């Protein structure tokens, strides 16, 4: 199977990997933060559409991960969109 593999800062690749027995990913404690975020959205303090800074095709995922990993200016949150054929 193919997977996005993090080798180090700025070194992210698409590689063939064996089926994982366990999966390690970076994540936050969503259930802890979502109620407060929803309150801020309802109050108009936070506008989620302003956080989405990039829209890239799925074929650009590796480059998008790399740009985000290198903390390039303007890369806050990326939406990966399927290409329409």
Protein backbone atom coordinates (compact mmCIF):
# COMPACT_ATOMS: atom_id res chain seq x y z
CA UNK A 1 0.00 0.00 0.00
CA UNK A 2 1.09 3.60 -0.53
CA UNK A 3 1.42 6.00 2.39
CA UNK A 4 2.68 9.51 3.09
CA UNK A 5 5.87 8.95 5.09
CA UNK A 6 7.47 11.62 7.30
CA UNK A 7 11.27 11.25 7.23
CA UNK A 8 12.11 14.60 8.82
CA UNK A 9 11.39 18.31 8.47
CA UNK A 10 10.82 19.00 4.79
CA UNK A 11 11.33 15.34 3.85
CA UNK A 12 7.91 13.84 3.23
CA UNK A 13 7.48 11.10 0.63
CA UNK A 14 4.88 8.82 -0.87
CA UNK A 15 6.24 5.28 -0.42
CA UNK A 16 5.18 1.68 -0.59
CA UNK A 17 4.72 0.35 2.94
CA UNK A 18 3.52 -2.90 4.51
CA UNK A 19 0.04 -2.97 5.99
CA UNK A 20 0.40 -1.33 9.42
CA UNK A 21 -0.48 -3.26 12.58
CA UNK A 22 -0.73 0.02 14.48
CA UNK A 23 -1.17 3.50 13.10
CA UNK A 24 0.60 6.52 14.60
CA UNK A 25 -0.68 9.95 13.69
CA UNK A 26 -0.53 13.42 15.11
CA UNK A 27 -3.82 14.51 16.57
CA UNK A 28 -5.32 16.80 19.15
CA UNK A 29 -7.92 16.15 21.83
CA UNK A 30 -10.90 17.20 19.67
CA UNK A 31 -13.60 16.49 22.25
CA UNK A 32 -11.87 18.81 24.67
CA UNK A 33 -11.61 21.73 22.24
CA UNK A 34 -14.72 21.49 20.04
CA UNK A 35 -17.29 22.88 22.54
CA UNK A 36 -15.22 26.03 23.12
CA UNK A 37 -14.54 26.42 19.38
CA UNK A 38 -18.24 26.09 18.59
CA UNK A 39 -19.02 28.81 21.14
CA UNK A 40 -16.44 31.09 19.49
CA UNK A 41 -17.89 30.37 16.03
CA UNK A 42 -21.47 31.07 17.15
CA UNK A 43 -20.32 34.32 18.79
CA UNK A 44 -18.62 35.33 15.52
CA UNK A 45 -15.20 35.54 17.19
CA UNK A 46 -13.76 32.77 15.03
CA UNK A 47 -14.46 32.45 11.32
CA UNK A 48 -13.44 28.93 10.20
CA UNK A 49 -13.30 29.92 6.53
CA UNK A 50 -10.38 32.23 7.33
CA UNK A 51 -8.30 29.32 8.65
CA UNK A 52 -8.45 27.40 5.37
CA UNK A 53 -5.50 28.94 3.57
CA UNK A 54 -4.92 26.58 0.65
CA UNK A 55 -6.96 24.36 -1.66
CA UNK A 56 -4.90 21.77 -3.50
CA UNK A 57 -5.75 18.74 -5.65
CA UNK A 58 -5.14 15.27 -4.16
CA UNK A 59 -2.28 14.89 -6.63
CA UNK A 60 -0.55 17.78 -4.83
CA UNK A 61 -0.77 16.17 -1.37
CA UNK A 62 2.96 15.48 -1.00
CA UNK A 63 3.93 19.03 -1.93
CA UNK A 64 1.18 20.42 0.34
CA UNK A 65 2.44 18.34 3.29
CA UNK A 66 5.98 19.52 2.56
CA UNK A 67 4.97 23.21 2.45
CA UNK A 68 3.00 22.84 5.69
CA UNK A 69 5.85 20.93 7.35
CA UNK A 70 8.34 23.65 6.38
CA UNK A 71 5.90 26.23 7.79
CA UNK A 72 5.93 28.20 4.56
CA UNK A 73 4.05 31.50 4.87
CA UNK A 74 0.33 31.19 4.14
CA UNK A 75 0.06 27.46 4.89
CA UNK A 76 -2.27 27.24 7.89
CA UNK A 77 -4.83 24.64 6.85
CA UNK A 78 -5.05 22.82 3.52
CA UNK A 79 -8.06 21.30 1.85
CA UNK A 80 -7.18 18.43 -0.48
CA UNK A 81 -9.87 18.24 -3.14
CA UNK A 82 -10.51 15.23 -5.39
CA UNK A 83 -10.01 16.03 -9.02
CA UNK A 84 -13.11 16.05 -11.18
CA UNK A 85 -12.76 14.10 -14.44
